[in-house]
Amino acid sequence: MTLEALGTAAAVGTFLVIAATAIAALIQLRHLRISNQLQGLLAILSLPYEPILHESFQFVSHELEARMRDPAFRHELEKPQVDRKIHKEMQVCDYYERLGSIVKNGLIPEDLYFDNSTPEQYWKLLSQVIAIRRRVRGPVAYDNFEYLVARSRAYDRMHPNGNYPPAEPRIEIEDVWLAEDRPSTSSG
């Protein structure tokens, strides 16, 4: 074997080792990215169960509509700084604002989030709060929350029947209570 052939073989061997190392590194990076995204999603999905935020979500779901009928309550929303102890709805707005930024910047893939949750119901409950806040801050107030809802609606249009894998067979469920819950309307 000539020196030239030996040098070529060594160069090819070095190239193969570097290529294998690069492929292994890419695989590790992919696994690390997926792991980070999963950790981020789990953290985001668990936040609404933290006591302060959970209480705020309960407030929005059960009390906000009645409170919004009070002009003094609405007027407080126009102040530059809103007391978040009184206006618990602001905690929920802030949560979705941060979440919208996370999704918008690709830190968590939107399809992963929207397959697990939807912000739409809270956007509807909070839309008048956001409208009042926009009187003060303009359209930038909660624009990441708005972005999140817009992307959620696009996701729902792409998956009108959910995101169940089409090739996966469905499991039949017998509705044993149907006859009792929906009695026959025939007279007779």
N, C-alpha and C. Protein backbone atom coordinates (compact mmCIF):
# COMPACT_ATOMS: atom_id res chain seq x y z
N MET A 1 0.85 -1.16 0.00
CA MET A 1 0.00 0.00 0.00
C MET A 1 0.90 1.23 0.00
N THR A 2 0.56 2.15 -0.89
CA THR A 2 1.38 3.35 -1.00
C THR A 2 1.02 4.33 0.10
N LEU A 3 1.94 5.24 0.31
CA LEU A 3 1.73 6.27 1.30
C LEU A 3 0.52 7.13 0.95
N GLU A 4 0.34 7.36 -0.31
CA GLU A 4 -0.79 8.16 -0.78
C GLU A 4 -2.11 7.45 -0.49
N ALA A 5 -2.21 6.15 -0.72
CA ALA A 5 -3.41 5.37 -0.45
C ALA A 5 -3.68 5.32 1.05
N LEU A 6 -2.60 5.17 1.83
CA LEU A 6 -2.73 5.14 3.29
C LEU A 6 -3.27 6.48 3.80
N GLY A 7 -2.78 7.58 3.26
CA GLY A 7 -3.25 8.91 3.64
C GLY A 7 -4.72 9.11 3.28
N THR A 8 -5.10 8.62 2.10
CA THR A 8 -6.50 8.72 1.67
C THR A 8 -7.39 7.90 2.59
N ALA A 9 -6.95 6.68 2.93
CA ALA A 9 -7.73 5.83 3.82
C ALA A 9 -7.88 6.48 5.19
N ALA A 10 -6.83 7.10 5.69
CA ALA A 10 -6.90 7.77 6.98
C ALA A 10 -7.87 8.96 6.92
N ALA A 11 -7.85 9.70 5.82
CA ALA A 11 -8.75 10.84 5.66
C ALA A 11 -10.20 10.37 5.60
N VAL A 12 -10.45 9.29 4.87
CA VAL A 12 -11.81 8.73 4.77
C VAL A 12 -12.25 8.25 6.15
N GLY A 13 -11.37 7.56 6.86
CA GLY A 13 -11.68 7.08 8.21
C GLY A 13 -12.00 8.23 9.15
N THR A 14 -11.21 9.29 9.10
CA THR A 14 -11.45 10.47 9.92
C THR A 14 -12.80 11.09 9.58
N PHE A 15 -13.07 11.19 8.29
CA PHE A 15 -14.35 11.74 7.85
C PHE A 15 -15.51 10.91 8.40
N LEU A 16 -15.42 9.60 8.33
CA LEU A 16 -16.49 8.73 8.81
C LEU A 16 -16.70 8.89 10.32
N VAL A 17 -15.60 9.00 11.06
CA VAL A 17 -15.71 9.19 12.51
C VAL A 17 -16.38 10.53 12.82
N ILE A 18 -15.97 11.58 12.11
CA ILE A 18 -16.56 12.91 12.33
C ILE A 18 -18.04 12.90 11.93
N ALA A 19 -18.36 12.25 10.81
CA ALA A 19 -19.75 12.17 10.36
C ALA A 19 -20.61 11.41 11.38
N ALA A 20 -20.10 10.29 11.88
CA ALA A 20 -20.85 9.52 12.88
C ALA A 20 -21.04 10.33 14.15
N THR A 21 -20.03 11.06 14.56
CA THR A 21 -20.12 11.91 15.75
C THR A 21 -21.16 13.01 15.54
N ALA A 22 -21.15 13.61 14.37
CA ALA A 22 -22.12 14.67 14.07
C ALA A 22 -23.55 14.12 14.07
N ILE A 23 -23.75 12.94 13.51
CA ILE A 23 -25.08 12.33 13.49
C ILE A 23 -25.54 12.02 14.91
N ALA A 24 -24.64 11.47 15.72
CA ALA A 24 -24.97 11.18 17.12
C ALA A 24 -25.32 12.47 17.86
N ALA A 25 -24.59 13.54 17.60
CA ALA A 25 -24.86 14.82 18.26
C ALA A 25 -26.22 15.36 17.85
N LEU A 26 -26.57 15.25 16.56
CA LEU A 26 -27.88 15.71 16.10
C LEU A 26 -29.00 14.92 16.76
N ILE A 27 -28.81 13.62 16.89
CA ILE A 27 -29.82 12.79 17.56
C ILE A 27 -29.97 13.21 19.02
N GLN A 28 -28.86 13.44 19.68
CA GLN A 28 -28.91 13.88 21.08
C GLN A 28 -29.59 15.24 21.21
N LEU A 29 -29.29 16.15 20.30
CA LEU A 29 -29.92 17.46 20.33
C LEU A 29 -31.43 17.35 20.12
N ARG A 30 -31.85 16.48 19.21
CA ARG A 30 -33.28 16.28 18.96
C ARG A 30 -33.95 15.76 20.22
N HIS A 31 -33.35 14.76 20.87
CA HIS A 31 -33.92 14.21 22.10
C HIS A 31 -33.96 15.27 23.21
N LEU A 32 -32.92 16.07 23.29
CA LEU A 32 -32.86 17.13 24.29
C LEU A 32 -33.95 18.17 24.04
N ARG A 33 -34.15 18.55 22.77
CA ARG A 33 -35.19 19.51 22.40
C ARG A 33 -36.57 18.97 22.77
N ILE A 34 -36.82 17.71 22.44
CA ILE A 34 -38.11 17.10 22.76
C ILE A 34 -38.32 17.04 24.26
N SER A 35 -37.27 16.69 24.98
CA SER A 35 -37.36 16.64 26.44
C SER A 35 -37.65 18.01 27.02
N ASN A 36 -36.99 19.03 26.51
CA ASN A 36 -37.23 20.40 26.98
C ASN A 36 -38.65 20.86 26.67
N GLN A 37 -39.13 20.53 25.47
CA GLN A 37 -40.49 20.91 25.11
C GLN A 37 -41.51 20.21 26.01
N LEU A 38 -41.27 18.94 26.30
CA LEU A 38 -42.17 18.21 27.18
C LEU A 38 -42.17 18.82 28.57
N GLN A 39 -40.99 19.14 29.11
CA GLN A 39 -40.91 19.76 30.43
C GLN A 39 -41.63 21.11 30.43
N GLY A 40 -41.44 21.88 29.37
CA GLY A 40 -42.12 23.17 29.27
C GLY A 40 -43.63 23.02 29.23
N LEU A 41 -44.11 22.07 28.42
CA LEU A 41 -45.54 21.84 28.32
C LEU A 41 -46.12 21.40 29.66
N LEU A 42 -45.45 20.48 30.32
CA LEU A 42 -45.93 20.01 31.61
C LEU A 42 -45.99 21.15 32.63
N ALA A 43 -44.98 22.01 32.60
CA ALA A 43 -44.98 23.15 33.52
C ALA A 43 -46.14 24.09 33.21
N ILE A 44 -46.37 24.37 31.94
CA ILE A 44 -47.44 25.28 31.54
C ILE A 44 -48.80 24.69 31.89
N LEU A 45 -48.97 23.40 31.65
CA LEU A 45 -50.26 22.78 31.93
C LEU A 45 -50.53 22.65 33.43
N SER A 46 -49.49 22.64 34.24
CA SER A 46 -49.69 22.52 35.68
C SER A 46 -49.91 23.87 36.37
N LEU A 47 -49.48 24.95 35.74
CA LEU A 47 -49.60 26.28 36.36
C LEU A 47 -51.03 26.64 36.79
N PRO A 48 -52.05 26.36 35.97
CA PRO A 48 -53.41 26.74 36.42
C PRO A 48 -53.87 26.03 37.69
N TYR A 49 -53.15 25.02 38.12
CA TYR A 49 -53.52 24.31 39.35
C TYR A 49 -52.77 24.83 40.57
N GLU A 50 -51.86 25.77 40.35
CA GLU A 50 -51.21 26.43 41.48
C GLU A 50 -52.28 27.26 42.19
N PRO A 51 -52.25 27.33 43.52
CA PRO A 51 -53.36 27.95 44.26
C PRO A 51 -53.79 29.34 43.78
N ILE A 52 -52.87 30.26 43.59
CA ILE A 52 -53.25 31.62 43.20
C ILE A 52 -53.88 31.63 41.81
N LEU A 53 -53.26 30.96 40.88
CA LEU A 53 -53.80 30.94 39.52
C LEU A 53 -55.09 30.14 39.45
N HIS A 54 -55.18 29.06 40.18
CA HIS A 54 -56.41 28.26 40.22
C HIS A 54 -57.58 29.12 40.72
N GLU A 55 -57.33 29.87 41.78
CA GLU A 55 -58.35 30.77 42.32
C GLU A 55 -58.75 31.82 41.27
N SER A 56 -57.79 32.30 40.51
CA SER A 56 -58.07 33.28 39.47
C SER A 56 -58.90 32.68 38.35
N PHE A 57 -58.58 31.46 37.93
CA PHE A 57 -59.39 30.79 36.91
C PHE A 57 -60.82 30.57 37.41
N GLN A 58 -60.97 30.20 38.67
CA GLN A 58 -62.30 30.02 39.25
C GLN A 58 -63.07 31.34 39.26
N PHE A 59 -62.38 32.42 39.60
CA PHE A 59 -63.00 33.74 39.60
C PHE A 59 -63.51 34.08 38.21
N VAL A 60 -62.67 33.88 37.21
CA VAL A 60 -63.07 34.20 35.83
C VAL A 60 -64.27 33.35 35.41
N SER A 61 -64.26 32.08 35.76
CA SER A 61 -65.33 31.17 35.34
C SER A 61 -66.65 31.43 36.06
N HIS A 62 -66.60 31.86 37.31
CA HIS A 62 -67.82 31.90 38.11
C HIS A 62 -68.25 33.29 38.59
N GLU A 63 -67.36 34.26 38.63
CA GLU A 63 -67.71 35.55 39.22
C GLU A 63 -67.51 36.75 38.29
N LEU A 64 -66.65 36.63 37.32
CA LEU A 64 -66.26 37.80 36.52
C LEU A 64 -67.45 38.44 35.81
N GLU A 65 -68.30 37.64 35.22
CA GLU A 65 -69.42 38.20 34.45
C GLU A 65 -70.26 39.13 35.32
N ALA A 66 -70.57 38.71 36.54
CA ALA A 66 -71.35 39.55 37.44
C ALA A 66 -70.57 40.79 37.86
N ARG A 67 -69.29 40.63 38.13
CA ARG A 67 -68.46 41.77 38.57
C ARG A 67 -68.33 42.82 37.46
N MET A 68 -68.33 42.38 36.20
CA MET A 68 -68.18 43.31 35.08
C MET A 68 -69.40 44.22 34.93
N ARG A 69 -70.51 43.90 35.56
CA ARG A 69 -71.69 44.76 35.52
C ARG A 69 -71.52 46.00 36.40
N ASP A 70 -70.52 45.96 37.29
CA ASP A 70 -70.27 47.07 38.22
C ASP A 70 -69.36 48.10 37.53
N PRO A 71 -69.87 49.34 37.31
CA PRO A 71 -69.06 50.36 36.65
C PRO A 71 -67.75 50.67 37.38
N ALA A 72 -67.77 50.63 38.70
CA ALA A 72 -66.54 50.90 39.47
C ALA A 72 -65.49 49.82 39.21
N PHE A 73 -65.93 48.59 39.12
CA PHE A 73 -65.00 47.47 38.83
C PHE A 73 -64.37 47.67 37.45
N ARG A 74 -65.21 48.03 36.47
CA ARG A 74 -64.70 48.27 35.11
C ARG A 74 -63.76 49.47 35.08
N HIS A 75 -64.10 50.52 35.82
CA HIS A 75 -63.27 51.73 35.84
C HIS A 75 -61.86 51.42 36.36
N GLU A 76 -61.75 50.53 37.36
CA GLU A 76 -60.44 50.16 37.90
C GLU A 76 -59.56 49.52 36.83
N LEU A 77 -60.18 48.88 35.84
CA LEU A 77 -59.41 48.25 34.76
C LEU A 77 -58.76 49.27 33.84
N GLU A 78 -59.23 50.51 33.88
CA GLU A 78 -58.65 51.56 33.04
C GLU A 78 -57.43 52.21 33.67
N LYS A 79 -57.15 51.90 34.92
CA LYS A 79 -55.99 52.47 35.59
C LYS A 79 -54.72 51.83 35.02
N PRO A 80 -53.63 52.60 34.98
CA PRO A 80 -52.37 52.02 34.46
C PRO A 80 -51.93 50.78 35.25
N GLN A 81 -52.08 50.81 36.56
CA GLN A 81 -51.74 49.65 37.40
C GLN A 81 -53.03 49.12 38.02
N VAL A 82 -53.32 47.87 37.75
CA VAL A 82 -54.54 47.25 38.25
C VAL A 82 -54.19 46.38 39.45
N ASP A 83 -54.96 46.50 40.52
CA ASP A 83 -54.76 45.70 41.72
C ASP A 83 -55.17 44.25 41.43
N ARG A 84 -54.17 43.37 41.33
CA ARG A 84 -54.43 41.99 40.96
C ARG A 84 -55.04 41.16 42.10
N LYS A 85 -55.10 41.71 43.30
CA LYS A 85 -55.79 41.03 44.39
C LYS A 85 -57.30 41.17 44.22
N ILE A 86 -57.72 42.31 43.69
CA ILE A 86 -59.14 42.54 43.43
C ILE A 86 -59.49 42.01 42.05
N HIS A 87 -58.64 42.30 41.08
CA HIS A 87 -58.88 41.90 39.69
C HIS A 87 -58.10 40.62 39.39
N LYS A 88 -58.64 39.53 39.90
CA LYS A 88 -57.99 38.22 39.72
C LYS A 88 -57.96 37.80 38.26
N GLU A 89 -58.84 38.37 37.47
CA GLU A 89 -58.87 38.04 36.04
C GLU A 89 -57.57 38.44 35.35
N MET A 90 -56.87 39.41 35.92
CA MET A 90 -55.61 39.84 35.31
C MET A 90 -54.56 38.74 35.38
N GLN A 91 -54.61 37.91 36.42
CA GLN A 91 -53.67 36.78 36.53
C GLN A 91 -53.86 35.82 35.36
N VAL A 92 -55.11 35.59 34.98
CA VAL A 92 -55.41 34.68 33.87
C VAL A 92 -54.97 35.32 32.55
N CYS A 93 -55.24 36.61 32.39
CA CYS A 93 -54.78 37.32 31.19
C CYS A 93 -53.26 37.23 31.08
N ASP A 94 -52.58 37.47 32.20
CA ASP A 94 -51.11 37.42 32.20
C ASP A 94 -50.60 36.01 31.85
N TYR A 95 -51.26 34.98 32.38
CA TYR A 95 -50.88 33.60 32.08
C TYR A 95 -50.95 33.33 30.58
N TYR A 96 -52.07 33.69 29.96
CA TYR A 96 -52.22 33.44 28.52
C TYR A 96 -51.32 34.36 27.69
N GLU A 97 -51.03 35.53 28.19
CA GLU A 97 -50.11 36.43 27.48
C GLU A 97 -48.71 35.80 27.42
N ARG A 98 -48.23 35.29 28.54
CA ARG A 98 -46.91 34.63 28.55
C ARG A 98 -46.93 33.36 27.70
N LEU A 99 -48.00 32.61 27.80
CA LEU A 99 -48.11 31.37 27.02
C LEU A 99 -48.12 31.68 25.53
N GLY A 100 -48.82 32.74 25.14
CA GLY A 100 -48.84 33.14 23.73
C GLY A 100 -47.45 33.49 23.23
N SER A 101 -46.67 34.16 24.05
CA SER A 101 -45.29 34.49 23.67
C SER A 101 -44.45 33.22 23.53
N ILE A 102 -44.62 32.29 24.42
CA ILE A 102 -43.87 31.03 24.36
C ILE A 102 -44.19 30.27 23.08
N VAL A 103 -45.47 30.19 22.74
CA VAL A 103 -45.87 29.48 21.51
C VAL A 103 -45.42 30.26 20.28
N LYS A 104 -45.62 31.58 20.29
CA LYS A 104 -45.25 32.42 19.14
C LYS A 104 -43.77 32.31 18.81
N ASN A 105 -42.94 32.20 19.83
CA ASN A 105 -41.50 32.12 19.63
C ASN A 105 -40.99 30.70 19.45
N GLY A 106 -41.89 29.75 19.32
CA GLY A 106 -41.51 28.38 19.00
C GLY A 106 -40.87 27.60 20.14
N LEU A 107 -41.00 28.09 21.37
CA LEU A 107 -40.41 27.37 22.49
C LEU A 107 -41.19 26.09 22.81
N ILE A 108 -42.47 26.11 22.48
CA ILE A 108 -43.31 24.92 22.54
C ILE A 108 -44.08 24.89 21.23
N PRO A 109 -44.05 23.77 20.52
CA PRO A 109 -44.80 23.70 19.26
C PRO A 109 -46.30 23.89 19.51
N GLU A 110 -46.91 24.72 18.69
CA GLU A 110 -48.32 25.01 18.91
C GLU A 110 -49.20 23.78 18.83
N ASP A 111 -48.90 22.85 17.92
CA ASP A 111 -49.75 21.66 17.82
C ASP A 111 -49.67 20.81 19.09
N LEU A 112 -48.53 20.81 19.75
CA LEU A 112 -48.39 20.09 21.01
C LEU A 112 -49.27 20.74 22.09
N TYR A 113 -49.25 22.07 22.16
CA TYR A 113 -50.08 22.75 23.15
C TYR A 113 -51.57 22.60 22.82
N PHE A 114 -51.96 22.86 21.57
CA PHE A 114 -53.38 22.84 21.21
C PHE A 114 -53.97 21.44 21.23
N ASP A 115 -53.13 20.43 21.18
CA ASP A 115 -53.62 19.06 21.33
C ASP A 115 -53.97 18.76 22.78
N ASN A 116 -53.52 19.62 23.69
CA ASN A 116 -53.74 19.40 25.12
C ASN A 116 -54.64 20.45 25.77
N SER A 117 -54.83 21.58 25.13
CA SER A 117 -55.56 22.66 25.78
C SER A 117 -56.04 23.66 24.73
N THR A 118 -56.98 24.50 25.13
CA THR A 118 -57.44 25.57 24.25
C THR A 118 -57.70 26.83 25.07
N PRO A 119 -57.25 27.97 24.59
CA PRO A 119 -57.49 29.23 25.32
C PRO A 119 -58.82 29.89 24.95
N GLU A 120 -59.54 29.34 23.99
CA GLU A 120 -60.74 29.99 23.44
C GLU A 120 -61.77 30.35 24.49
N GLN A 121 -62.09 29.43 25.40
CA GLN A 121 -63.15 29.73 26.37
C GLN A 121 -62.77 30.90 27.28
N TYR A 122 -61.48 31.02 27.61
CA TYR A 122 -61.07 32.12 28.47
C TYR A 122 -60.97 33.43 27.70
N TRP A 123 -60.66 33.35 26.41
CA TRP A 123 -60.68 34.56 25.59
C TRP A 123 -62.09 35.14 25.59
N LYS A 124 -63.09 34.28 25.43
CA LYS A 124 -64.48 34.75 25.42
C LYS A 124 -64.84 35.38 26.76
N LEU A 125 -64.44 34.74 27.85
CA LEU A 125 -64.76 35.26 29.19
C LEU A 125 -64.01 36.56 29.49
N LEU A 126 -62.83 36.72 28.92
CA LEU A 126 -61.97 37.87 29.24
C LEU A 126 -61.96 38.97 28.17
N SER A 127 -62.68 38.78 27.09
CA SER A 127 -62.58 39.72 25.97
C SER A 127 -62.94 41.16 26.37
N GLN A 128 -63.93 41.34 27.24
CA GLN A 128 -64.29 42.70 27.63
C GLN A 128 -63.26 43.31 28.57
N VAL A 129 -62.61 42.48 29.38
CA VAL A 129 -61.51 42.97 30.22
C VAL A 129 -60.37 43.46 29.32
N ILE A 130 -60.07 42.68 28.30
CA ILE A 130 -58.99 43.05 27.37
C ILE A 130 -59.37 44.32 26.60
N ALA A 131 -60.64 44.41 26.20
CA ALA A 131 -61.09 45.62 25.49
C ALA A 131 -60.87 46.87 26.35
N ILE A 132 -61.19 46.77 27.63
CA ILE A 132 -61.01 47.91 28.53
C ILE A 132 -59.52 48.20 28.73
N ARG A 133 -58.70 47.17 28.89
CA ARG A 133 -57.26 47.38 29.03
C ARG A 133 -56.68 48.01 27.77
N ARG A 134 -57.24 47.70 26.62
CA ARG A 134 -56.74 48.27 25.36
C ARG A 134 -57.11 49.75 25.23
N ARG A 135 -58.10 50.20 25.99
CA ARG A 135 -58.39 51.64 26.02
C ARG A 135 -57.17 52.39 26.54
N VAL A 136 -56.46 51.77 27.46
CA VAL A 136 -55.31 52.39 28.12
C VAL A 136 -54.02 52.12 27.34
N ARG A 137 -53.80 50.88 26.95
CA ARG A 137 -52.51 50.48 26.39
C ARG A 137 -52.53 50.30 24.87
N GLY A 138 -53.68 50.35 24.26
CA GLY A 138 -53.76 50.16 22.82
C GLY A 138 -53.76 48.69 22.46
N PRO A 139 -53.62 48.40 21.17
CA PRO A 139 -53.76 47.02 20.69
C PRO A 139 -52.66 46.06 21.16
N VAL A 140 -51.60 46.60 21.76
CA VAL A 140 -50.53 45.71 22.24
C VAL A 140 -50.92 44.98 23.52
N ALA A 141 -51.96 45.47 24.20
CA ALA A 141 -52.38 44.83 25.45
C ALA A 141 -52.91 43.43 25.14
N TYR A 142 -52.22 42.46 25.64
CA TYR A 142 -52.59 41.05 25.51
C TYR A 142 -52.64 40.59 24.05
N ASP A 143 -51.72 41.12 23.26
CA ASP A 143 -51.65 40.69 21.86
C ASP A 143 -51.11 39.26 21.72
N ASN A 144 -50.28 38.82 22.65
CA ASN A 144 -49.82 37.42 22.59
C ASN A 144 -50.95 36.46 22.95
N PHE A 145 -51.83 36.87 23.85
CA PHE A 145 -53.02 36.08 24.16
C PHE A 145 -53.90 36.00 22.92
N GLU A 146 -54.08 37.14 22.24
CA GLU A 146 -54.86 37.18 21.01
C GLU A 146 -54.24 36.26 19.94
N TYR A 147 -52.91 36.33 19.82
CA TYR A 147 -52.21 35.47 18.86
C TYR A 147 -52.47 33.99 19.18
N LEU A 148 -52.40 33.64 20.45
CA LEU A 148 -52.62 32.26 20.86
C LEU A 148 -54.02 31.79 20.46
N VAL A 149 -55.01 32.64 20.65
CA VAL A 149 -56.39 32.28 20.29
C VAL A 149 -56.53 32.17 18.77
N ALA A 150 -55.92 33.09 18.03
CA ALA A 150 -55.98 33.03 16.56
C ALA A 150 -55.36 31.72 16.06
N ARG A 151 -54.22 31.34 16.63
CA ARG A 151 -53.58 30.08 16.22
C ARG A 151 -54.42 28.87 16.66
N SER A 152 -55.07 28.98 17.82
CA SER A 152 -55.94 27.90 18.30
C SER A 152 -57.11 27.70 17.34
N ARG A 153 -57.67 28.80 16.87
CA ARG A 153 -58.78 28.70 15.91
C ARG A 153 -58.31 28.07 14.60
N ALA A 154 -57.12 28.43 14.16
CA ALA A 154 -56.57 27.82 12.94
C ALA A 154 -56.36 26.32 13.15
N TYR A 155 -55.86 25.95 14.32
CA TYR A 155 -55.66 24.53 14.64
C TYR A 155 -57.00 23.79 14.63
N ASP A 156 -58.02 24.40 15.22
CA ASP A 156 -59.34 23.78 15.25
C ASP A 156 -59.93 23.62 13.85
N ARG A 157 -59.68 24.60 12.97
CA ARG A 157 -60.16 24.48 11.58
C ARG A 157 -59.46 23.32 10.87
N MET A 158 -58.16 23.12 11.18
CA MET A 158 -57.42 22.03 10.56
C MET A 158 -57.82 20.66 11.13
N HIS A 159 -58.37 20.65 12.35
CA HIS A 159 -58.74 19.41 13.02
C HIS A 159 -60.18 19.52 13.54
N PRO A 160 -61.15 19.63 12.64
CA PRO A 160 -62.53 19.86 13.10
C PRO A 160 -63.10 18.71 13.93
N ASN A 161 -62.59 17.53 13.75
CA ASN A 161 -63.07 16.37 14.51
C ASN A 161 -62.03 15.88 15.52
N GLY A 162 -61.17 16.78 15.96
CA GLY A 162 -60.12 16.40 16.89
C GLY A 162 -58.88 15.96 16.15
N ASN A 163 -57.91 15.49 16.89
CA ASN A 163 -56.62 15.13 16.30
C ASN A 163 -56.31 13.65 16.50
N TYR A 164 -57.35 12.83 16.54
CA TYR A 164 -57.16 11.39 16.69
C TYR A 164 -56.53 10.86 15.40
N PRO A 165 -55.49 10.04 15.50
CA PRO A 165 -54.83 9.55 14.28
C PRO A 165 -55.82 8.79 13.38
N PRO A 166 -55.93 9.20 12.11
CA PRO A 166 -56.94 8.60 11.23
C PRO A 166 -56.74 7.10 10.98
N ALA A 167 -55.52 6.62 11.03
CA ALA A 167 -55.29 5.21 10.76
C ALA A 167 -55.54 4.34 12.00
N GLU A 168 -55.70 4.97 13.15
CA GLU A 168 -55.90 4.22 14.40
C GLU A 168 -57.39 3.92 14.58
N PRO A 169 -57.75 2.65 14.76
CA PRO A 169 -59.17 2.33 14.93
C PRO A 169 -59.72 2.92 16.23
N ARG A 170 -60.97 3.33 16.17
CA ARG A 170 -61.64 3.88 17.36
C ARG A 170 -62.16 2.73 18.21
N ILE A 171 -62.38 3.00 19.48
CA ILE A 171 -62.91 2.02 20.42
C ILE A 171 -64.41 2.27 20.57
N GLU A 172 -65.19 1.25 20.33
CA GLU A 172 -66.64 1.38 20.48
C GLU A 172 -66.99 1.53 21.96
N ILE A 173 -67.89 2.46 22.24
CA ILE A 173 -68.39 2.66 23.59
C ILE A 173 -69.90 2.50 23.57
N GLU A 174 -70.39 1.58 24.35
CA GLU A 174 -71.83 1.40 24.45
C GLU A 174 -72.37 2.43 25.43
N ASP A 175 -73.33 3.21 24.97
CA ASP A 175 -73.94 4.24 25.82
C ASP A 175 -75.12 3.59 26.55
N VAL A 176 -74.84 2.99 27.70
CA VAL A 176 -75.85 2.22 28.43
C VAL A 176 -76.96 3.10 29.01
N TRP A 177 -76.70 4.39 29.15
CA TRP A 177 -77.69 5.28 29.75
C TRP A 177 -78.50 6.05 28.71
N LEU A 178 -78.23 5.85 27.44
CA LEU A 178 -78.89 6.63 26.39
C LEU A 178 -80.41 6.50 26.45
N ALA A 179 -80.92 5.28 26.54
CA ALA A 179 -82.38 5.08 26.55
C ALA A 179 -83.03 5.76 27.75
N GLU A 180 -82.36 5.73 28.90
CA GLU A 180 -82.92 6.36 30.10
C GLU A 180 -82.80 7.88 30.04
N ASP A 181 -81.70 8.37 29.52
CA ASP A 181 -81.48 9.82 29.47
C ASP A 181 -82.25 10.50 28.35
N ARG A 182 -82.57 9.77 27.29
CA ARG A 182 -83.30 10.31 26.15
C ARG A 182 -84.54 9.42 25.89
N PRO A 183 -85.53 9.54 26.74
CA PRO A 183 -86.70 8.67 26.57
C PRO A 183 -87.37 8.90 25.24
N SER A 184 -88.01 7.88 24.76
CA SER A 184 -88.70 7.93 23.48
C SER A 184 -89.79 8.99 23.51
N THR A 185 -89.93 9.72 22.42
CA THR A 185 -90.95 10.78 22.34
C THR A 185 -92.23 10.27 21.70
N SER A 186 -92.24 8.99 21.31
CA SER A 186 -93.45 8.46 20.67
C SER A 186 -94.53 8.25 21.73
N SER A 187 -95.73 8.63 21.39
CA SER A 187 -96.84 8.44 22.34
C SER A 187 -97.54 7.14 22.02
N GLY A 188 -97.82 6.43 23.06
CA GLY A 188 -98.40 5.29 22.74
C GLY A 188 -98.84 4.11 23.07
